Protein backbone atom coordinates (compact mmCIF):
# COMPACT_ATOMS: atom_id res chain seq x y z
CA UNK A 1 3.89 -104.96 -62.29
CA UNK A 2 0.58 -103.08 -62.05
CA UNK A 3 -0.95 -101.47 -65.12
CA UNK A 4 -3.35 -98.56 -65.50
CA UNK A 5 -6.53 -98.83 -67.57
CA UNK A 6 -4.59 -97.10 -70.37
CA UNK A 7 -1.33 -99.09 -70.44
CA UNK A 8 -2.32 -100.87 -73.67
CA UNK A 9 -2.98 -97.50 -75.33
CA UNK A 10 0.40 -96.08 -74.26
CA UNK A 11 2.13 -99.11 -75.75
CA UNK A 12 0.11 -98.82 -78.97
CA UNK A 13 1.09 -95.13 -79.20
CA UNK A 14 4.76 -96.09 -79.01
CA UNK A 15 5.43 -94.73 -75.54
CA UNK A 16 8.65 -95.79 -73.83
CA UNK A 17 7.44 -97.70 -70.76
CA UNK A 18 9.32 -97.92 -67.46
CA UNK A 19 8.62 -99.37 -64.00
CA UNK A 20 7.56 -96.63 -61.56
CA UNK A 21 6.14 -97.12 -58.05
CA UNK A 22 5.12 -100.68 -58.92
CA UNK A 23 3.37 -99.61 -62.14
CA UNK A 24 4.32 -99.84 -65.79
CA UNK A 25 4.20 -96.18 -66.82
CA UNK A 26 5.02 -94.11 -69.93
CA UNK A 27 8.19 -92.06 -69.40
CA UNK A 28 7.94 -90.37 -72.82
CA UNK A 29 6.21 -90.54 -76.20
CA UNK A 30 7.69 -88.12 -78.73
CA UNK A 31 10.41 -86.99 -76.33
CA UNK A 32 10.80 -85.20 -73.01
CA UNK A 33 11.72 -81.78 -74.44
CA UNK A 34 8.81 -81.62 -76.91
CA UNK A 35 6.36 -82.79 -74.24
CA UNK A 36 7.70 -80.29 -71.68
CA UNK A 37 7.38 -77.34 -74.07
CA UNK A 38 3.88 -78.44 -75.13
CA UNK A 39 2.71 -78.18 -71.51
CA UNK A 40 4.41 -74.84 -70.84
CA UNK A 41 3.19 -73.26 -74.09
CA UNK A 42 -0.08 -75.05 -74.98
CA UNK A 43 -1.20 -78.27 -73.29
CA UNK A 44 -0.41 -81.90 -72.67
CA UNK A 45 -2.17 -84.87 -71.10
CA UNK A 46 -0.68 -87.27 -68.55
CA UNK A 47 -2.04 -90.61 -67.38
CA UNK A 48 -1.48 -90.40 -63.63
CA UNK A 49 -3.84 -93.22 -62.69
CA UNK A 50 -1.08 -94.74 -60.54
CA UNK A 51 -1.86 -92.15 -57.84
CA UNK A 52 -3.81 -93.38 -54.81
CA UNK A 53 -7.28 -92.26 -53.72
CA UNK A 54 -8.88 -92.88 -50.33
CA UNK A 55 -12.38 -91.95 -49.19
CA UNK A 56 -12.76 -90.78 -45.59
CA UNK A 57 -16.41 -90.78 -44.51
CA UNK A 58 -18.42 -90.55 -41.33
CA UNK A 59 -19.39 -88.15 -38.51
CA UNK A 60 -15.73 -87.77 -37.42
CA UNK A 61 -14.05 -87.87 -40.84
CA UNK A 62 -12.70 -84.34 -40.34
CA UNK A 63 -11.33 -85.24 -36.89
CA UNK A 64 -9.35 -88.12 -38.38
CA UNK A 65 -7.96 -85.92 -41.17
CA UNK A 66 -7.06 -83.17 -38.71
CA UNK A 67 -5.19 -85.63 -36.49
CA UNK A 68 -3.00 -87.06 -39.28
CA UNK A 69 -2.40 -84.05 -41.58
CA UNK A 70 -0.43 -80.87 -40.93
CA UNK A 71 -2.67 -78.37 -42.73
CA UNK A 72 -5.97 -77.13 -41.27
CA UNK A 73 -8.68 -79.12 -43.04
CA UNK A 74 -11.41 -77.31 -41.08
CA UNK A 75 -10.92 -74.45 -43.57
CA UNK A 76 -12.20 -76.64 -46.41
CA UNK A 77 -15.71 -76.51 -47.86
CA UNK A 78 -17.34 -78.73 -50.51
CA UNK A 79 -15.60 -78.01 -53.81
CA UNK A 80 -12.27 -76.98 -52.25
CA UNK A 81 -8.94 -78.83 -52.33
CA UNK A 82 -6.00 -78.46 -49.94
CA UNK A 83 -2.32 -79.45 -50.19
CA UNK A 84 -1.08 -81.08 -46.99
CA UNK A 85 1.27 -83.68 -45.59
CA UNK A 86 1.23 -86.38 -42.93
CA UNK A 87 3.94 -86.68 -40.29
CA UNK A 88 5.26 -89.74 -38.44
CA UNK A 89 6.05 -90.01 -34.72
CA UNK A 90 9.47 -88.35 -35.27
CA UNK A 91 8.03 -85.48 -37.32
CA UNK A 92 9.25 -86.93 -40.63
CA UNK A 93 6.94 -86.89 -43.65
CA UNK A 94 4.87 -90.02 -44.26
CA UNK A 95 3.59 -88.50 -47.51
CA UNK A 96 2.38 -85.29 -49.10
CA UNK A 97 -1.19 -85.39 -50.36
CA UNK A 98 -4.28 -83.55 -51.56
CA UNK A 99 -7.40 -83.34 -49.39
CA UNK A 100 -10.72 -82.90 -51.22
CA UNK A 101 -13.87 -82.01 -49.30
CA UNK A 102 -16.54 -83.80 -51.34
CA UNK A 103 -19.45 -83.08 -48.96
CA UNK A 104 -20.07 -82.75 -45.25
CA UNK A 105 -18.41 -85.72 -43.52
CA UNK A 106 -17.02 -86.97 -46.84
CA UNK A 107 -13.47 -86.39 -48.09
CA UNK A 108 -11.07 -87.82 -50.66
CA UNK A 109 -7.32 -88.02 -50.04
CA UNK A 110 -5.01 -88.29 -53.06
CA UNK A 111 -1.65 -89.86 -52.18
CA UNK A 112 1.53 -90.84 -53.98
CA UNK A 113 1.58 -94.13 -55.88
CA UNK A 114 4.60 -95.52 -54.04
CA UNK A 115 2.93 -94.90 -50.67
CA UNK A 116 -0.62 -96.21 -51.19
CA UNK A 117 -0.33 -99.23 -48.87
CA UNK A 118 1.88 -97.45 -46.33
CA UNK A 119 -0.44 -94.42 -46.14
CA UNK A 120 -3.59 -96.51 -45.85
CA UNK A 121 -2.14 -98.52 -42.97
CA UNK A 122 -0.80 -95.38 -41.31
CA UNK A 123 -4.14 -93.55 -41.37
CA UNK A 124 -5.98 -96.70 -40.30
CA UNK A 125 -3.61 -97.09 -37.34
CA UNK A 126 -4.57 -93.57 -36.22
CA UNK A 127 -8.31 -94.07 -36.77
CA UNK A 128 -9.80 -93.95 -33.29
CA UNK A 129 -12.69 -91.91 -34.69
CA UNK A 130 -16.16 -92.60 -36.06
CA UNK A 131 -14.76 -92.49 -39.59
CA UNK A 132 -14.48 -95.04 -42.37
CA UNK A 133 -11.45 -95.25 -44.66
CA UNK A 134 -11.84 -96.86 -48.11
CA UNK A 135 -9.10 -97.36 -50.70
CA UNK A 136 -10.60 -96.68 -54.15
CA UNK A 137 -7.24 -96.45 -55.97
CA UNK A 138 -7.68 -99.61 -58.04
CA UNK A 139 -11.06 -98.49 -59.40
CA UNK A 140 -10.04 -94.90 -60.17
CA UNK A 141 -8.31 -93.48 -63.24
CA UNK A 142 -6.81 -89.99 -63.29
CA UNK A 143 -5.82 -87.82 -66.24
CA UNK A 144 -3.95 -84.53 -65.85
CA UNK A 145 -4.64 -82.07 -68.68
CA UNK A 146 -2.03 -79.39 -68.09
CA UNK A 147 -1.04 -76.15 -69.80
CA UNK A 148 -2.21 -72.57 -70.45
CA UNK A 149 -4.62 -73.68 -73.22
CA UNK A 150 -6.22 -76.47 -71.16
CA UNK A 151 -9.44 -74.61 -70.29
CA UNK A 152 -10.03 -73.37 -73.83
CA UNK A 153 -9.21 -76.73 -75.43
CA UNK A 154 -11.34 -78.81 -73.06
CA UNK A 155 -14.38 -76.52 -72.90
CA UNK A 156 -16.14 -78.27 -75.80
CA UNK A 157 -16.25 -81.48 -73.71
CA UNK A 158 -18.18 -80.10 -70.73
CA UNK A 159 -20.86 -77.68 -69.53
CA UNK A 160 -18.73 -76.77 -66.50
CA UNK A 161 -17.23 -73.30 -67.12
CA UNK A 162 -13.58 -74.32 -66.88
CA UNK A 163 -12.08 -70.82 -67.12
CA UNK A 164 -14.14 -69.73 -64.07
CA UNK A 165 -12.76 -72.47 -61.83
CA UNK A 166 -10.40 -71.16 -59.13
CA UNK A 167 -7.05 -72.81 -58.41
CA UNK A 168 -7.48 -75.75 -56.01
CA UNK A 169 -11.24 -76.00 -56.50
CA UNK A 170 -13.22 -78.82 -58.10
CA UNK A 171 -16.65 -79.58 -59.51
CA UNK A 172 -18.53 -82.67 -60.56
CA UNK A 173 -19.84 -82.52 -64.11
CA UNK A 174 -20.45 -84.30 -67.37
CA UNK A 175 -17.22 -84.48 -69.35
CA UNK A 176 -16.69 -86.17 -72.74
CA UNK A 177 -20.14 -87.74 -72.37
CA UNK A 178 -19.19 -89.29 -69.03
CA UNK A 179 -21.38 -88.45 -66.04
CA UNK A 180 -20.10 -87.43 -62.60
CA UNK A 181 -16.48 -86.69 -63.56
CA UNK A 182 -14.56 -84.99 -60.77
CA UNK A 183 -12.97 -81.99 -62.52
CA UNK A 184 -10.22 -80.46 -60.39
CA UNK A 185 -8.28 -77.25 -61.10
CA UNK A 186 -5.06 -78.70 -59.70
CA UNK A 187 -1.88 -80.15 -61.15
CA UNK A 188 1.81 -80.79 -60.66
CA UNK A 189 3.25 -78.69 -63.47
CA UNK A 190 2.58 -75.08 -62.45
CA UNK A 191 1.24 -74.51 -65.97
CA UNK A 192 -2.47 -74.46 -65.07
CA UNK A 193 -4.98 -77.07 -66.13
CA UNK A 194 -7.17 -79.80 -64.72
CA UNK A 195 -7.12 -83.25 -63.20
CA UNK A 196 -9.99 -85.54 -64.16
CA UNK A 197 -11.05 -88.48 -61.98
CA UNK A 198 -13.17 -91.22 -63.57
CA UNK A 199 -13.91 -94.93 -63.03
CA UNK A 200 -11.45 -97.19 -64.89
CA UNK A 201 -14.05 -98.25 -67.45
CA UNK A 202 -14.39 -94.62 -68.63
CA UNK A 203 -10.63 -93.94 -68.89
CA UNK A 204 -10.18 -94.90 -72.54
CA UNK A 205 -13.18 -92.81 -73.67
CA UNK A 206 -11.82 -89.84 -71.71
CA UNK A 207 -8.24 -90.21 -73.02
CA UNK A 208 -9.37 -90.31 -76.65
CA UNK A 209 -11.80 -87.40 -76.24
CA UNK A 210 -9.15 -85.23 -74.54
CA UNK A 211 -6.61 -85.88 -77.32
CA UNK A 212 -9.22 -85.21 -80.02
CA UNK A 213 -10.47 -81.95 -78.43
CA UNK A 214 -6.90 -80.82 -77.82
CA UNK A 215 -5.65 -81.53 -81.33
CA UNK A 216 -6.32 -78.01 -82.78
CA UNK A 217 -4.47 -76.55 -79.76
CA UNK A 218 -1.32 -78.67 -80.14
CA UNK A 219 -1.92 -81.21 -77.34
CA UNK A 220 0.68 -83.91 -76.79
CA UNK A 221 0.50 -87.06 -74.66
CA UNK A 222 3.17 -86.68 -71.98
CA UNK A 223 5.14 -89.07 -69.81
CA UNK A 224 6.78 -89.07 -66.40
CA UNK A 225 9.96 -87.48 -67.80
CA UNK A 226 8.27 -84.19 -68.65
CA UNK A 227 6.21 -84.35 -65.46
CA UNK A 228 9.47 -84.36 -63.50
CA UNK A 229 11.14 -81.46 -65.35
CA UNK A 230 7.92 -79.40 -65.17
CA UNK A 231 7.46 -79.89 -61.42
CA UNK A 232 11.14 -79.19 -60.73
CA UNK A 233 11.02 -75.82 -62.52
CA UNK A 234 8.27 -74.90 -60.04
CA UNK A 235 10.25 -76.42 -57.12
CA UNK A 236 7.39 -78.79 -56.25
CA UNK A 237 8.62 -81.53 -53.90
CA UNK A 238 8.78 -85.13 -55.11
CA UNK A 239 8.22 -87.72 -52.40
CA UNK A 240 11.15 -90.10 -52.09
CA UNK A 241 13.55 -87.45 -53.45
CA UNK A 242 13.01 -84.07 -51.76
CA UNK A 243 10.87 -85.27 -48.85
CA UNK A 244 10.61 -88.60 -47.05
CA UNK A 245 10.23 -90.20 -43.62
CA UNK A 246 13.42 -88.49 -42.39
CA UNK A 247 12.64 -84.90 -43.49
CA UNK A 248 10.35 -82.66 -41.46
CA UNK A 249 7.99 -80.11 -43.06
CA UNK A 250 9.88 -77.07 -41.72
CA UNK A 251 13.28 -77.94 -43.22
CA UNK A 252 11.51 -78.97 -46.45
CA UNK A 253 10.01 -75.47 -46.80
CA UNK A 254 6.50 -76.75 -46.10
CA UNK A 255 5.87 -74.52 -43.09
CA UNK A 256 3.06 -72.89 -45.10
CA UNK A 257 1.03 -76.13 -44.93
CA UNK A 258 1.90 -76.77 -41.29
CA UNK A 259 -0.64 -75.26 -38.91
CA UNK A 260 -0.21 -75.40 -35.14
CA UNK A 261 -3.80 -74.33 -34.43
CA UNK A 262 -4.52 -78.04 -33.80
CA UNK A 263 -2.62 -81.16 -32.76
CA UNK A 264 -1.35 -83.64 -35.38
CA UNK A 265 1.14 -86.49 -35.15
CA UNK A 266 4.39 -85.17 -33.60
CA UNK A 267 3.15 -81.58 -33.89
CA UNK A 268 5.15 -80.73 -30.72
CA UNK A 269 8.37 -81.97 -32.39
CA UNK A 270 7.67 -80.08 -35.62
CA UNK A 271 6.80 -76.93 -33.67
CA UNK A 272 10.11 -77.14 -31.81
CA UNK A 273 11.99 -77.33 -35.12
CA UNK A 274 10.13 -74.21 -36.27
CA UNK A 275 10.93 -72.32 -33.05
CA UNK A 276 14.61 -73.34 -32.86
CA UNK A 277 15.21 -73.24 -36.61
CA UNK A 278 15.95 -76.31 -38.74
CA UNK A 279 19.44 -77.85 -38.87
CA UNK A 280 19.25 -77.92 -42.68
CA UNK A 281 17.08 -76.32 -45.36
CA UNK A 282 15.82 -77.39 -48.76
CA UNK A 283 17.00 -74.82 -51.31
CA UNK A 284 16.94 -74.32 -55.04
CA UNK A 285 20.17 -73.76 -56.94
CA UNK A 286 21.37 -73.11 -60.49
CA UNK A 287 24.60 -74.49 -61.89
CA UNK A 288 27.22 -71.92 -62.87
CA UNK A 289 29.74 -74.50 -64.14
CA UNK A 290 28.58 -76.99 -66.77
CA UNK A 291 27.15 -80.18 -65.31
CA UNK A 292 23.83 -81.72 -64.33
CA UNK A 293 23.21 -82.30 -60.63
CA UNK A 294 21.60 -85.64 -59.75
CA UNK A 295 19.86 -87.15 -56.72
CA UNK A 296 22.28 -87.83 -53.82
CA UNK A 297 25.27 -85.91 -55.27
CA UNK A 298 27.15 -84.24 -52.38
CA UNK A 299 26.89 -80.45 -51.92
CA UNK A 300 30.11 -78.78 -50.71
CA UNK A 301 31.21 -75.38 -49.43
CA UNK A 302 34.17 -73.49 -50.87
CA UNK A 303 36.49 -75.37 -48.49
CA UNK A 304 35.37 -78.68 -49.99
CA UNK A 305 33.46 -79.75 -46.86
CA UNK A 306 30.18 -81.61 -47.39
CA UNK A 307 27.27 -79.39 -46.29
CA UNK A 308 24.37 -81.31 -47.80
CA UNK A 309 23.15 -83.32 -50.77
CA UNK A 310 21.18 -82.91 -53.98
CA UNK A 311 17.62 -84.28 -53.85
CA UNK A 312 16.48 -83.44 -57.42
CA UNK A 313 18.28 -82.08 -60.46
CA UNK A 314 17.83 -81.70 -64.19
CA UNK A 315 18.57 -79.61 -67.26
CA UNK A 316 15.60 -77.19 -67.31
CA UNK A 317 14.08 -77.14 -70.83
CA UNK A 318 12.41 -73.75 -70.22
CA UNK A 319 15.47 -72.01 -68.76
CA UNK A 320 18.09 -73.94 -70.72
CA UNK A 321 20.25 -74.32 -67.64
CA UNK A 322 20.87 -76.98 -65.02
CA UNK A 323 18.84 -76.59 -61.81
CA UNK A 324 18.38 -78.57 -58.64
CA UNK A 325 16.98 -78.85 -55.14
CA UNK A 326 19.00 -79.98 -52.14
CA UNK A 327 19.42 -79.76 -48.39
CA UNK A 328 22.19 -77.51 -47.11
CA UNK A 329 23.30 -76.11 -43.77
CA UNK A 330 21.34 -72.95 -42.84
CA UNK A 331 24.40 -70.68 -43.24
CA UNK A 332 24.59 -71.69 -46.93
CA UNK A 333 20.86 -71.40 -47.63
CA UNK A 334 20.43 -67.69 -48.47
CA UNK A 335 19.88 -66.81 -52.15
CA UNK A 336 23.22 -65.80 -53.66
CA UNK A 337 25.21 -68.31 -51.55
CA UNK A 338 27.88 -70.05 -53.62
CA UNK A 339 27.94 -73.81 -53.28
CA UNK A 340 29.67 -76.65 -55.13
CA UNK A 341 28.18 -79.88 -56.43
CA UNK A 342 30.40 -82.96 -56.49
CA UNK A 343 29.68 -84.40 -59.94
CA UNK A 344 31.71 -87.57 -60.46
CA UNK A 345 34.65 -86.23 -58.45
CA UNK A 346 34.60 -82.72 -59.93
CA UNK A 347 33.59 -79.76 -57.74
CA UNK A 348 31.34 -77.65 -59.93
CA UNK A 349 30.14 -74.21 -58.88
CA UNK A 350 26.45 -73.43 -58.30
CA UNK A 351 24.48 -70.63 -56.67
CA UNK A 352 21.46 -70.78 -54.34
CA UNK A 353 18.46 -69.02 -55.92
CA UNK A 354 14.93 -68.14 -54.92
CA UNK A 355 12.32 -70.68 -55.97
CA UNK A 356 10.31 -71.34 -58.03
CA UNK A 357 12.93 -71.25 -60.78
CA UNK A 358 10.28 -70.29 -63.32
């Protein structure tokens, strides 16, 4: 099992550790609910060093990125980040990722932990360009400081004016006495905040400084449990649950990051799905009857026929109700549609709602 540079600290802080994507990761410290509310109302810090980072460099770095990703990376400029995904030969999703333009002919891709090796091999197999791909995942630590008070709480640690940073932009700066920290106004919680990329040897210094600076603002260390409930309230897709190699970007509601102004892997197949309409759609739903929907539970219509399945579900701490995402037939996908979730043999009523939930 892989460890991050901070695993020993999580253990010392009493975190409950679980295996996740080949890593030993904290799932919670004080408890999921307390950590969730801290991020929504103040701020929390996550160790997300299990994520993967690749450098793409060279005269044709952009050409390589354009050929494997669905979004239009030509719109990027140094200091800008883009959400995108990569498709396979059938139009399924290899992974969703972030694309950072570091400088001309120099980019960083941030990929999901469970897909690091798969993604690297996939991009390399498509690299017929004058571009060099380097996996820097094992040398890179990543902290996510998330919540509405993140900018105010972290400002004492850096000269970079955090409150002036636009969403999905980044800057290099000195942070907590560490030079050349990549400070990114991104995150997976929908609560605002920053992601901080540093070499492994600086991770412990950064972690301690962030907790110390955040103390007067009510910061809490947070685990994967709260990360999941926070992202689900914002209907952010989780790879392996809501999207995978068999789902295409259109049915997953990712048409907004799928640009047909250029060719990418299977772009003709994906375009056809867009033109003809998908056979199923990823929707958000709220439970009306009491029960918590879980991954892979069947979704039924009022006749009891299976029309899809749940991909993610939880009890939302912010809304105090059970919510979920799932694929359903198009005729059951409009907000207000009544559906039923098969929870251990019981057909419990739910309703399709607009997302995000919060």
